[in-house]
């Protein structure tokens, strides 16, 4: 994506939409997320171990310190191992108004699964530690204990789900979210690829296929030329558009995006991916009859046999 050149009277933010204060955070998003969740559950387990230890010290026959540590740290470690499950659930069933009721009902069911997995993991860890100490661990009456654990685990699920949702909102705001404009006039012959949206006149006639997409980023709207899109990959209820090394989520299906793009330039290669044929570096057939599509930015995308022939006919 080629950005518009700065103009003398343009404000700094408008002339440089690519400036991204969150770029470093996103570049290290996975390590930071792992570190953050690990510290969160480790601190929580440490505090709980200390509190329960203080209470146990007041009892004449209270549990041993190693037992208390086993209970609290096994629970914390089980929660940590289930973080990817919550992340998948939030991504697959996002909390959006259009489907809020249905997705909340699904999350209610998933919270039960979450609790059962948490109990299974922590009981397995506790039994292992107790066996090492030459003792037997007893979880207690299963049904009452499961209900008790769910009352705690349900709150943990809601808290983790909320954190994922807020992080996703912050990420989308920082990187920009794409929408298809209602109406745009045809592009001039020598138009910059990205410019403030208000600089382009609108038309009352909606084009069959938009020549630009609107990117809303950090409170401002910018226009991205459709021809500058490298590829799109489905992600839940969104399609992530890759434009010059940056991802912009578009609330759409792959089929909806395919209908909005020029079929002479953009080709579907998978049920979850569509590419700009001009951005393909090479295609590597594989024994199954499918293929791998290497893009010019180094990304490798799968190409299913269903779409392989159409891709090859696209002039690549």
C-alpha atoms as a PDB file:
ATOM      1  CA  UNK A   1       0.000   0.000   0.000  1.00  0.00           C
ATOM      2  CA  UNK A   2       1.481   3.326  -1.041  1.00  0.00           C
ATOM      3  CA  UNK A   3       0.612   6.113   1.351  1.00  0.00           C
ATOM      4  CA  UNK A   4      -0.170   9.668   0.332  1.00  0.00           C
ATOM      5  CA  UNK A   5       2.749  12.071   0.466  1.00  0.00           C
ATOM      6  CA  UNK A   6       2.554  14.697   3.239  1.00  0.00           C
ATOM      7  CA  UNK A   7       1.100  18.032   2.232  1.00  0.00           C
ATOM      8  CA  UNK A   8       2.338  21.302   3.774  1.00  0.00           C
ATOM      9  CA  UNK A   9      -0.975  22.101   5.494  1.00  0.00           C
ATOM     10  CA  UNK A  10      -1.921  18.581   6.556  1.00  0.00           C
ATOM     11  CA  UNK A  11      -1.938  17.788  10.265  1.00  0.00           C
ATOM     12  CA  UNK A  12       0.662  15.203  11.316  1.00  0.00           C
ATOM     13  CA  UNK A  13      -1.865  12.477  12.131  1.00  0.00           C
ATOM     14  CA  UNK A  14      -3.702  12.845   8.820  1.00  0.00           C
ATOM     15  CA  UNK A  15      -0.578  12.760   6.696  1.00  0.00           C
ATOM     16  CA  UNK A  16       0.918   9.735   8.472  1.00  0.00           C
ATOM     17  CA  UNK A  17      -1.791   7.136   9.146  1.00  0.00           C
ATOM     18  CA  UNK A  18       0.861   4.439   9.187  1.00  0.00           C
ATOM     19  CA  UNK A  19       2.325   5.781  12.443  1.00  0.00           C
ATOM     20  CA  UNK A  20       1.396   3.117  14.961  1.00  0.00           C
ATOM     21  CA  UNK A  21       2.096   3.526  18.684  1.00  0.00           C
ATOM     22  CA  UNK A  22       1.074  -0.103  19.278  1.00  0.00           C
ATOM     23  CA  UNK A  23       3.329  -1.643  16.617  1.00  0.00           C
ATOM     24  CA  UNK A  24       5.872  -2.904  19.146  1.00  0.00           C
ATOM     25  CA  UNK A  25       3.161  -4.404  21.325  1.00  0.00           C
ATOM     26  CA  UNK A  26       1.631  -6.304  18.403  1.00  0.00           C
ATOM     27  CA  UNK A  27       5.016  -7.513  17.197  1.00  0.00           C
ATOM     28  CA  UNK A  28       5.581  -9.186  20.553  1.00  0.00           C
ATOM     29  CA  UNK A  29       1.919  -9.903  21.260  1.00  0.00           C
ATOM     30  CA  UNK A  30       2.252 -13.640  21.886  1.00  0.00           C
ATOM     31  CA  UNK A  31       5.241 -13.490  24.284  1.00  0.00           C
ATOM     32  CA  UNK A  32       3.647 -10.566  26.126  1.00  0.00           C
ATOM     33  CA  UNK A  33       0.341 -12.408  26.411  1.00  0.00           C
ATOM     34  CA  UNK A  34       2.024 -15.556  27.740  1.00  0.00           C
ATOM     35  CA  UNK A  35       4.035 -13.513  30.237  1.00  0.00           C
ATOM     36  CA  UNK A  36       0.996 -11.503  31.329  1.00  0.00           C
ATOM     37  CA  UNK A  37      -1.262 -14.502  31.901  1.00  0.00           C
ATOM     38  CA  UNK A  38       1.537 -16.410  33.649  1.00  0.00           C
ATOM     39  CA  UNK A  39       2.232 -13.535  36.042  1.00  0.00           C
ATOM     40  CA  UNK A  40      -1.471 -13.052  36.687  1.00  0.00           C
ATOM     41  CA  UNK A  41      -2.111 -16.644  37.735  1.00  0.00           C
ATOM     42  CA  UNK A  42       1.235 -16.995  39.521  1.00  0.00           C
ATOM     43  CA  UNK A  43       0.592 -13.910  41.663  1.00  0.00           C
ATOM     44  CA  UNK A  44      -2.952 -15.059  42.362  1.00  0.00           C
ATOM     45  CA  UNK A  45      -1.754 -18.548  43.371  1.00  0.00           C
ATOM     46  CA  UNK A  46       0.982 -17.098  45.561  1.00  0.00           C
ATOM     47  CA  UNK A  47      -1.420 -14.760  47.366  1.00  0.00           C
ATOM     48  CA  UNK A  48      -3.992 -17.513  47.857  1.00  0.00           C
ATOM     49  CA  UNK A  49      -1.325 -19.875  49.193  1.00  0.00           C
ATOM     50  CA  UNK A  50      -0.241 -17.274  51.739  1.00  0.00           C
ATOM     51  CA  UNK A  51      -3.807 -16.475  52.845  1.00  0.00           C
ATOM     52  CA  UNK A  52      -4.849 -20.100  53.204  1.00  0.00           C
ATOM     53  CA  UNK A  53      -1.576 -20.827  54.994  1.00  0.00           C
ATOM     54  CA  UNK A  54      -2.310 -18.103  57.558  1.00  0.00           C
ATOM     55  CA  UNK A  55      -5.760 -19.522  58.199  1.00  0.00           C
ATOM     56  CA  UNK A  56      -4.427 -23.105  58.416  1.00  0.00           C
ATOM     57  CA  UNK A  57      -1.808 -22.066  60.979  1.00  0.00           C
ATOM     58  CA  UNK A  58      -4.622 -21.154  63.369  1.00  0.00           C
ATOM     59  CA  UNK A  59      -6.036 -24.687  63.268  1.00  0.00           C
ATOM     60  CA  UNK A  60      -4.636 -27.467  65.455  1.00  0.00           C
ATOM     61  CA  UNK A  61      -4.802 -30.067  62.672  1.00  0.00           C
ATOM     62  CA  UNK A  62      -4.574 -27.845  59.628  1.00  0.00           C
ATOM     63  CA  UNK A  63      -3.149 -28.993  56.271  1.00  0.00           C
ATOM     64  CA  UNK A  64       0.586 -29.029  55.704  1.00  0.00           C
ATOM     65  CA  UNK A  65       2.141 -26.141  53.743  1.00  0.00           C
ATOM     66  CA  UNK A  66       2.909 -28.422  50.782  1.00  0.00           C
ATOM     67  CA  UNK A  67      -0.761 -29.430  50.599  1.00  0.00           C
ATOM     68  CA  UNK A  68      -1.919 -25.819  50.514  1.00  0.00           C
ATOM     69  CA  UNK A  69       0.641 -24.972  47.832  1.00  0.00           C
ATOM     70  CA  UNK A  70      -0.463 -28.002  45.805  1.00  0.00           C
ATOM     71  CA  UNK A  71      -4.113 -26.975  45.933  1.00  0.00           C
ATOM     72  CA  UNK A  72      -3.582 -23.369  44.928  1.00  0.00           C
ATOM     73  CA  UNK A  73      -0.812 -23.811  42.345  1.00  0.00           C
ATOM     74  CA  UNK A  74      -2.528 -26.750  40.632  1.00  0.00           C
ATOM     75  CA  UNK A  75      -5.645 -24.624  40.242  1.00  0.00           C
ATOM     76  CA  UNK A  76      -3.650 -21.664  38.906  1.00  0.00           C
ATOM     77  CA  UNK A  77      -1.693 -23.828  36.475  1.00  0.00           C
ATOM     78  CA  UNK A  78      -4.917 -25.424  35.220  1.00  0.00           C
ATOM     79  CA  UNK A  79      -6.393 -21.953  34.620  1.00  0.00           C
ATOM     80  CA  UNK A  80      -3.238 -20.948  32.741  1.00  0.00           C
ATOM     81  CA  UNK A  81      -3.413 -24.022  30.498  1.00  0.00           C
ATOM     82  CA  UNK A  82      -7.032 -23.143  29.647  1.00  0.00           C
ATOM     83  CA  UNK A  83      -6.265 -19.582  28.490  1.00  0.00           C
ATOM     84  CA  UNK A  84      -6.044 -20.689  24.797  1.00  0.00           C
ATOM     85  CA  UNK A  85      -9.494 -22.291  25.177  1.00  0.00           C
ATOM     86  CA  UNK A  86     -10.986 -18.962  26.305  1.00  0.00           C
ATOM     87  CA  UNK A  87      -9.140 -17.128  23.533  1.00  0.00           C
ATOM     88  CA  UNK A  88     -10.588 -19.510  20.947  1.00  0.00           C
ATOM     89  CA  UNK A  89     -14.078 -19.137  22.435  1.00  0.00           C
ATOM     90  CA  UNK A  90     -13.919 -15.327  22.323  1.00  0.00           C
ATOM     91  CA  UNK A  91     -12.630 -15.362  18.754  1.00  0.00           C
ATOM     92  CA  UNK A  92     -15.172 -17.924  17.530  1.00  0.00           C
ATOM     93  CA  UNK A  93     -18.151 -16.417  19.344  1.00  0.00           C
ATOM     94  CA  UNK A  94     -17.357 -12.693  19.784  1.00  0.00           C
ATOM     95  CA  UNK A  95     -19.521 -10.478  21.964  1.00  0.00           C
ATOM     96  CA  UNK A  96     -21.155  -8.422  19.207  1.00  0.00           C
ATOM     97  CA  UNK A  97     -24.638  -6.896  19.398  1.00  0.00           C
ATOM     98  CA  UNK A  98     -25.943  -8.664  16.312  1.00  0.00           C
ATOM     99  CA  UNK A  99     -25.474 -12.097  17.886  1.00  0.00           C
ATOM    100  CA  UNK A 100     -25.094 -11.242  21.551  1.00  0.00           C
ATOM    101  CA  UNK A 101     -27.953 -13.401  22.889  1.00  0.00           C
ATOM    102  CA  UNK A 102     -26.952 -16.485  20.915  1.00  0.00           C
ATOM    103  CA  UNK A 103     -23.263 -16.122  21.728  1.00  0.00           C
ATOM    104  CA  UNK A 104     -23.921 -15.558  25.431  1.00  0.00           C
ATOM    105  CA  UNK A 105     -25.899 -18.809  25.498  1.00  0.00           C
ATOM    106  CA  UNK A 106     -22.984 -20.568  23.802  1.00  0.00           C
ATOM    107  CA  UNK A 107     -20.521 -19.073  26.297  1.00  0.00           C
ATOM    108  CA  UNK A 108     -22.715 -20.319  29.137  1.00  0.00           C
ATOM    109  CA  UNK A 109     -22.297 -23.862  27.813  1.00  0.00           C
ATOM    110  CA  UNK A 110     -18.588 -23.333  27.196  1.00  0.00           C
ATOM    111  CA  UNK A 111     -18.141 -22.123  30.769  1.00  0.00           C
ATOM    112  CA  UNK A 112     -19.384 -25.527  31.958  1.00  0.00           C
ATOM    113  CA  UNK A 113     -16.846 -27.242  29.694  1.00  0.00           C
ATOM    114  CA  UNK A 114     -14.194 -24.840  31.000  1.00  0.00           C
ATOM    115  CA  UNK A 115     -14.997 -25.759  34.597  1.00  0.00           C
ATOM    116  CA  UNK A 116     -14.942 -29.498  33.908  1.00  0.00           C
ATOM    117  CA  UNK A 117     -11.572 -29.192  32.170  1.00  0.00           C
ATOM    118  CA  UNK A 118     -10.222 -27.100  35.037  1.00  0.00           C
ATOM    119  CA  UNK A 119     -11.325 -29.678  37.607  1.00  0.00           C
ATOM    120  CA  UNK A 120      -9.903 -32.567  35.582  1.00  0.00           C
ATOM    121  CA  UNK A 121      -6.530 -30.865  35.188  1.00  0.00           C
ATOM    122  CA  UNK A 122      -6.113 -29.745  38.774  1.00  0.00           C
ATOM    123  CA  UNK A 123      -7.280 -33.089  40.226  1.00  0.00           C
ATOM    124  CA  UNK A 124      -4.789 -34.931  37.990  1.00  0.00           C
ATOM    125  CA  UNK A 125      -1.972 -32.649  39.186  1.00  0.00           C
ATOM    126  CA  UNK A 126      -2.966 -32.995  42.825  1.00  0.00           C
ATOM    127  CA  UNK A 127      -3.149 -36.757  42.595  1.00  0.00           C
ATOM    128  CA  UNK A 128       0.340 -36.801  41.115  1.00  0.00           C
ATOM    129  CA  UNK A 129       1.796 -34.662  43.915  1.00  0.00           C
ATOM    130  CA  UNK A 130      -0.006 -36.632  46.615  1.00  0.00           C
ATOM    131  CA  UNK A 131       1.185 -39.927  45.113  1.00  0.00           C
ATOM    132  CA  UNK A 132       4.747 -38.578  45.200  1.00  0.00           C
ATOM    133  CA  UNK A 133       4.255 -37.851  48.908  1.00  0.00           C
ATOM    134  CA  UNK A 134       2.895 -41.369  49.470  1.00  0.00           C
ATOM    135  CA  UNK A 135      -0.660 -40.186  50.093  1.00  0.00           C
ATOM    136  CA  UNK A 136      -4.039 -40.396  48.368  1.00  0.00           C
ATOM    137  CA  UNK A 137      -5.861 -37.279  47.190  1.00  0.00           C
ATOM    138  CA  UNK A 138      -9.638 -37.278  47.516  1.00  0.00           C
ATOM    139  CA  UNK A 139     -11.626 -34.665  45.625  1.00  0.00           C
ATOM    140  CA  UNK A 140     -14.765 -35.269  47.684  1.00  0.00           C
ATOM    141  CA  UNK A 141     -18.403 -35.932  46.673  1.00  0.00           C
ATOM    142  CA  UNK A 142     -18.320 -35.260  42.940  1.00  0.00           C
ATOM    143  CA  UNK A 143     -21.628 -33.486  42.319  1.00  0.00           C
ATOM    144  CA  UNK A 144     -21.488 -30.990  45.215  1.00  0.00           C
ATOM    145  CA  UNK A 145     -17.808 -30.342  44.514  1.00  0.00           C
ATOM    146  CA  UNK A 146     -18.419 -29.800  40.800  1.00  0.00           C
ATOM    147  CA  UNK A 147     -21.173 -27.289  41.550  1.00  0.00           C
ATOM    148  CA  UNK A 148     -18.901 -25.523  44.024  1.00  0.00           C
ATOM    149  CA  UNK A 149     -16.036 -25.421  41.509  1.00  0.00           C
ATOM    150  CA  UNK A 150     -18.322 -24.150  38.734  1.00  0.00           C
ATOM    151  CA  UNK A 151     -19.419 -21.195  40.865  1.00  0.00           C
ATOM    152  CA  UNK A 152     -15.748 -20.184  41.049  1.00  0.00           C
ATOM    153  CA  UNK A 153     -14.703 -21.267  37.556  1.00  0.00           C
ATOM    154  CA  UNK A 154     -17.650 -19.505  35.927  1.00  0.00           C
ATOM    155  CA  UNK A 155     -16.421 -16.192  37.293  1.00  0.00           C
ATOM    156  CA  UNK A 156     -12.911 -16.979  36.117  1.00  0.00           C
ATOM    157  CA  UNK A 157     -14.231 -17.743  32.610  1.00  0.00           C
ATOM    158  CA  UNK A 158     -16.167 -14.462  32.479  1.00  0.00           C
ATOM    159  CA  UNK A 159     -13.119 -12.497  33.655  1.00  0.00           C
ATOM    160  CA  UNK A 160     -10.797 -14.106  31.087  1.00  0.00           C
ATOM    161  CA  UNK A 161     -13.404 -13.702  28.329  1.00  0.00           C
ATOM    162  CA  UNK A 162     -13.798 -10.015  29.179  1.00  0.00           C
ATOM    163  CA  UNK A 163     -10.040  -9.460  29.116  1.00  0.00           C
ATOM    164  CA  UNK A 164      -9.777 -11.091  25.680  1.00  0.00           C
ATOM    165  CA  UNK A 165     -12.682  -8.983  24.402  1.00  0.00           C
ATOM    166  CA  UNK A 166     -11.172  -5.722  25.682  1.00  0.00           C
ATOM    167  CA  UNK A 167      -7.754  -6.617  24.261  1.00  0.00           C
ATOM    168  CA  UNK A 168      -9.324  -7.341  20.882  1.00  0.00           C
ATOM    169  CA  UNK A 169     -11.165  -4.007  20.893  1.00  0.00           C
ATOM    170  CA  UNK A 170      -7.937  -2.164  21.738  1.00  0.00           C
ATOM    171  CA  UNK A 171      -6.054  -4.009  19.018  1.00  0.00           C
ATOM    172  CA  UNK A 172      -8.688  -3.253  16.387  1.00  0.00           C
ATOM    173  CA  UNK A 173      -8.744   0.397  17.331  1.00  0.00           C
ATOM    174  CA  UNK A 174      -4.962   0.662  17.084  1.00  0.00           C
ATOM    175  CA  UNK A 175      -4.553  -1.236  13.814  1.00  0.00           C
ATOM    176  CA  UNK A 176      -7.693   0.027  12.108  1.00  0.00           C
ATOM    177  CA  UNK A 177     -10.912  -1.707  11.146  1.00  0.00           C
ATOM    178  CA  UNK A 178     -12.103  -1.898   7.548  1.00  0.00           C
ATOM    179  CA  UNK A 179     -15.581  -1.292   6.191  1.00  0.00           C
ATOM    180  CA  UNK A 180     -16.995  -1.152   2.688  1.00  0.00           C
ATOM    181  CA  UNK A 181     -18.150   2.397   1.816  1.00  0.00           C
ATOM    182  CA  UNK A 182     -21.752   2.919   0.820  1.00  0.00           C
ATOM    183  CA  UNK A 183     -20.869   4.947  -2.268  1.00  0.00           C
ATOM    184  CA  UNK A 184     -17.654   6.216  -3.808  1.00  0.00           C
ATOM    185  CA  UNK A 185     -16.998   7.899  -7.107  1.00  0.00           C
ATOM    186  CA  UNK A 186     -14.620   6.294  -9.644  1.00  0.00           C
ATOM    187  CA  UNK A 187     -10.962   6.771  -8.824  1.00  0.00           C
ATOM    188  CA  UNK A 188      -9.052   9.509 -10.665  1.00  0.00           C
ATOM    189  CA  UNK A 189      -6.279   8.365 -12.977  1.00  0.00           C
ATOM    190  CA  UNK A 190      -3.397   9.257 -10.627  1.00  0.00           C
ATOM    191  CA  UNK A 191      -4.820   8.849  -7.177  1.00  0.00           C
ATOM    192  CA  UNK A 192      -2.687   8.195  -4.071  1.00  0.00           C
ATOM    193  CA  UNK A 193      -3.424   4.814  -2.556  1.00  0.00           C
ATOM    194  CA  UNK A 194      -4.252   6.059   0.942  1.00  0.00           C
ATOM    195  CA  UNK A 195      -5.670   9.465   1.818  1.00  0.00           C
ATOM    196  CA  UNK A 196      -8.157  11.068   4.231  1.00  0.00           C
ATOM    197  CA  UNK A 197     -11.639   9.850   3.378  1.00  0.00           C
ATOM    198  CA  UNK A 198     -13.154  13.307   3.368  1.00  0.00           C
ATOM    199  CA  UNK A 199     -10.907  14.323   0.441  1.00  0.00           C
ATOM    200  CA  UNK A 200     -12.761  12.031  -1.963  1.00  0.00           C
ATOM    201  CA  UNK A 201     -16.195  13.138  -3.220  1.00  0.00           C
ATOM    202  CA  UNK A 202     -19.040  10.701  -2.859  1.00  0.00           C
ATOM    203  CA  UNK A 203     -21.603   9.678  -5.400  1.00  0.00           C
ATOM    204  CA  UNK A 204     -25.260   8.826  -4.961  1.00  0.00           C
ATOM    205  CA  UNK A 205     -24.817   5.737  -7.145  1.00  0.00           C
ATOM    206  CA  UNK A 206     -23.400   2.744  -5.360  1.00  0.00           C
ATOM    207  CA  UNK A 207     -20.779   0.964  -7.507  1.00  0.00           C
ATOM    208  CA  UNK A 208     -21.051  -2.741  -8.120  1.00  0.00           C
ATOM    209  CA  UNK A 209     -17.584  -3.275  -6.689  1.00  0.00           C
ATOM    210  CA  UNK A 210     -15.930  -0.689  -4.439  1.00  0.00           C
ATOM    211  CA  UNK A 211     -12.591   0.610  -5.624  1.00  0.00           C
ATOM    212  CA  UNK A 212     -11.655   1.563  -2.078  1.00  0.00           C
ATOM    213  CA  UNK A 213     -12.240   0.350   1.447  1.00  0.00           C
ATOM    214  CA  UNK A 214     -12.542   2.662   4.455  1.00  0.00           C
ATOM    215  CA  UNK A 215     -10.039   2.085   7.266  1.00  0.00           C
ATOM    216  CA  UNK A 216     -10.993   3.658  10.579  1.00  0.00           C
ATOM    217  CA  UNK A 217      -7.868   4.017  12.691  1.00  0.00           C
ATOM    218  CA  UNK A 218      -7.299   5.986  15.890  1.00  0.00           C
ATOM    219  CA  UNK A 219     -10.445   8.059  15.311  1.00  0.00           C
ATOM    220  CA  UNK A 220      -9.763   8.928  11.648  1.00  0.00           C
ATOM    221  CA  UNK A 221     -10.978   7.450   8.366  1.00  0.00           C
ATOM    222  CA  UNK A 222      -8.625   6.580   5.493  1.00  0.00           C
ATOM    223  CA  UNK A 223      -9.193   5.006   2.105  1.00  0.00           C
ATOM    224  CA  UNK A 224      -7.369   1.891   0.965  1.00  0.00           C
ATOM    225  CA  UNK A 225      -7.461   1.081  -2.747  1.00  0.00           C
ATOM    226  CA  UNK A 226      -8.940  -2.373  -3.341  1.00  0.00           C
ATOM    227  CA  UNK A 227      -6.054  -3.135  -5.706  1.00  0.00           C
ATOM    228  CA  UNK A 228      -3.611  -2.679  -2.798  1.00  0.00           C
ATOM    229  CA  UNK A 229      -5.039  -5.609  -0.837  1.00  0.00           C
ATOM    230  CA  UNK A 230      -2.572  -8.526  -0.863  1.00  0.00           C
ATOM    231  CA  UNK A 231      -4.948 -11.175   0.463  1.00  0.00           C
ATOM    232  CA  UNK A 232      -7.747 -11.828   2.930  1.00  0.00           C
ATOM    233  CA  UNK A 233      -8.002 -14.635   5.490  1.00  0.00           C
ATOM    234  CA  UNK A 234     -11.149 -15.506   7.441  1.00  0.00           C
ATOM    235  CA  UNK A 235     -11.016 -15.135  11.244  1.00  0.00           C
ATOM    236  CA  UNK A 236     -14.316 -15.855  12.956  1.00  0.00           C
ATOM    237  CA  UNK A 237     -16.856 -13.221  11.906  1.00  0.00           C
ATOM    238  CA  UNK A 238     -14.124 -11.129  10.282  1.00  0.00           C
ATOM    239  CA  UNK A 239     -11.789 -11.313   7.329  1.00  0.00           C
ATOM    240  CA  UNK A 240      -8.295 -10.001   7.998  1.00  0.00           C
ATOM    241  CA  UNK A 241      -7.115  -7.991   4.987  1.00  0.00           C
ATOM    242  CA  UNK A 242      -3.339  -7.832   4.555  1.00  0.00           C
ATOM    243  CA  UNK A 243      -2.227  -4.510   3.079  1.00  0.00           C
ATOM    244  CA  UNK A 244       1.505  -3.786   2.903  1.00  0.00           C
ATOM    245  CA  UNK A 245       2.385  -5.852   5.936  1.00  0.00           C
ATOM    246  CA  UNK A 246      -0.545  -4.720   8.089  1.00  0.00           C
ATOM    247  CA  UNK A 247      -3.746  -6.578   8.925  1.00  0.00           C
ATOM    248  CA  UNK A 248      -7.083  -4.783   8.895  1.00  0.00           C
ATOM    249  CA  UNK A 249     -10.172  -6.711  10.085  1.00  0.00           C
ATOM    250  CA  UNK A 250     -13.265  -6.433   7.876  1.00  0.00           C
ATOM    251  CA  UNK A 251     -16.585  -7.591   9.311  1.00  0.00           C
ATOM    252  CA  UNK A 252     -17.567  -9.859   6.451  1.00  0.00           C
ATOM    253  CA  UNK A 253     -17.415 -13.407   5.200  1.00  0.00           C
ATOM    254  CA  UNK A 254     -14.923 -14.568   2.607  1.00  0.00           C
ATOM    255  CA  UNK A 255     -17.829 -14.997   0.160  1.00  0.00           C
ATOM    256  CA  UNK A 256     -18.948 -11.419   0.831  1.00  0.00           C
ATOM    257  CA  UNK A 257     -15.433 -10.114   0.272  1.00  0.00           C
ATOM    258  CA  UNK A 258     -15.083 -12.168  -2.901  1.00  0.00           C
ATOM    259  CA  UNK A 259     -18.273 -10.605  -4.291  1.00  0.00           C
ATOM    260  CA  UNK A 260     -16.912  -7.113  -3.549  1.00  0.00           C
ATOM    261  CA  UNK A 261     -13.551  -7.608  -5.295  1.00  0.00           C
ATOM    262  CA  UNK A 262     -12.593  -7.699  -8.958  1.00  0.00           C
ATOM    263  CA  UNK A 263     -12.535 -11.377 -10.052  1.00  0.00           C
ATOM    264  CA  UNK A 264      -9.920 -10.564 -12.696  1.00  0.00           C
ATOM    265  CA  UNK A 265      -7.477  -9.625  -9.930  1.00  0.00           C
ATOM    266  CA  UNK A 266      -8.624 -11.549  -6.832  1.00  0.00           C
ATOM    267  CA  UNK A 267      -8.974 -15.337  -6.772  1.00  0.00           C
ATOM    268  CA  UNK A 268     -10.363 -17.601  -4.068  1.00  0.00           C
ATOM    269  CA  UNK A 269      -7.792 -20.262  -3.133  1.00  0.00           C
ATOM    270  CA  UNK A 270      -9.407 -21.788  -0.058  1.00  0.00           C
ATOM    271  CA  UNK A 271     -12.706 -21.662   1.797  1.00  0.00           C
ATOM    272  CA  UNK A 272     -11.010 -19.224   4.186  1.00  0.00           C
ATOM    273  CA  UNK A 273      -8.652 -17.300   1.887  1.00  0.00           C
ATOM    274  CA  UNK A 274      -8.679 -15.053  -1.178  1.00  0.00           C
ATOM    275  CA  UNK A 275      -5.559 -13.562  -2.804  1.00  0.00           C
ATOM    276  CA  UNK A 276      -4.485 -10.816  -5.172  1.00  0.00           C
ATOM    277  CA  UNK A 277      -2.872 -12.753  -8.035  1.00  0.00           C
ATOM    278  CA  UNK A 278      -0.412  -9.911  -8.614  1.00  0.00           C
ATOM    279  CA  UNK A 279       1.012 -10.522  -5.119  1.00  0.00           C
ATOM    280  CA  UNK A 280       1.699 -14.247  -5.593  1.00  0.00           C
ATOM    281  CA  UNK A 281       5.383 -15.174  -5.658  1.00  0.00           C
ATOM    282  CA  UNK A 282       4.986 -18.851  -6.604  1.00  0.00           C
ATOM    283  CA  UNK A 283       2.715 -21.871  -6.251  1.00  0.00           C
ATOM    284  CA  UNK A 284       3.952 -25.199  -4.894  1.00  0.00           C
ATOM    285  CA  UNK A 285       1.811 -28.279  -5.704  1.00  0.00           C
ATOM    286  CA  UNK A 286       1.698 -31.002  -3.045  1.00  0.00           C
ATOM    287  CA  UNK A 287       0.997 -34.730  -3.308  1.00  0.00           C
ATOM    288  CA  UNK A 288      -2.571 -34.506  -1.997  1.00  0.00           C
ATOM    289  CA  UNK A 289      -3.613 -32.470  -5.035  1.00  0.00           C
ATOM    290  CA  UNK A 290      -3.720 -29.253  -3.028  1.00  0.00           C
ATOM    291  CA  UNK A 291      -1.056 -26.544  -3.209  1.00  0.00           C
ATOM    292  CA  UNK A 292       0.777 -23.937  -1.191  1.00  0.00           C
ATOM    293  CA  UNK A 293       0.649 -20.337  -2.361  1.00  0.00           C
ATOM    294  CA  UNK A 294       3.662 -18.231  -1.388  1.00  0.00           C
ATOM    295  CA  UNK A 295       2.907 -14.512  -1.324  1.00  0.00           C
ATOM    296  CA  UNK A 296       5.464 -11.795  -2.043  1.00  0.00           C
ATOM    297  CA  UNK A 297       5.511 -10.788   1.637  1.00  0.00           C
ATOM    298  CA  UNK A 298       6.651 -14.304   2.594  1.00  0.00           C
ATOM    299  CA  UNK A 299       3.283 -15.594   3.817  1.00  0.00           C
ATOM    300  CA  UNK A 300       2.375 -19.118   2.695  1.00  0.00           C
ATOM    301  CA  UNK A 301      -1.350 -19.831   2.280  1.00  0.00           C
ATOM    302  CA  UNK A 302      -3.095 -23.163   1.616  1.00  0.00           C
ATOM    303  CA  UNK A 303      -4.779 -23.705  -1.741  1.00  0.00           C
ATOM    304  CA  UNK A 304      -7.342 -26.495  -1.885  1.00  0.00           C
ATOM    305  CA  UNK A 305      -7.773 -28.582  -5.024  1.00  0.00           C
ATOM    306  CA  UNK A 306     -11.295 -27.187  -5.376  1.00  0.00           C
ATOM    307  CA  UNK A 307      -9.886 -23.733  -6.178  1.00  0.00           C
ATOM    308  CA  UNK A 308      -6.553 -24.723  -7.698  1.00  0.00           C
ATOM    309  CA  UNK A 309      -7.711 -24.801 -11.314  1.00  0.00           C
ATOM    310  CA  UNK A 310      -9.367 -21.383 -11.042  1.00  0.00           C
ATOM    311  CA  UNK A 311      -6.146 -20.003  -9.589  1.00  0.00           C
ATOM    312  CA  UNK A 312      -4.063 -21.379 -12.438  1.00  0.00           C
ATOM    313  CA  UNK A 313      -6.501 -19.919 -14.968  1.00  0.00           C
ATOM    314  CA  UNK A 314      -6.062 -16.531 -13.323  1.00  0.00           C
ATOM    315  CA  UNK A 315      -2.877 -15.960 -15.289  1.00  0.00           C
ATOM    316  CA  UNK A 316      -0.394 -16.823 -12.513  1.00  0.00           C
END
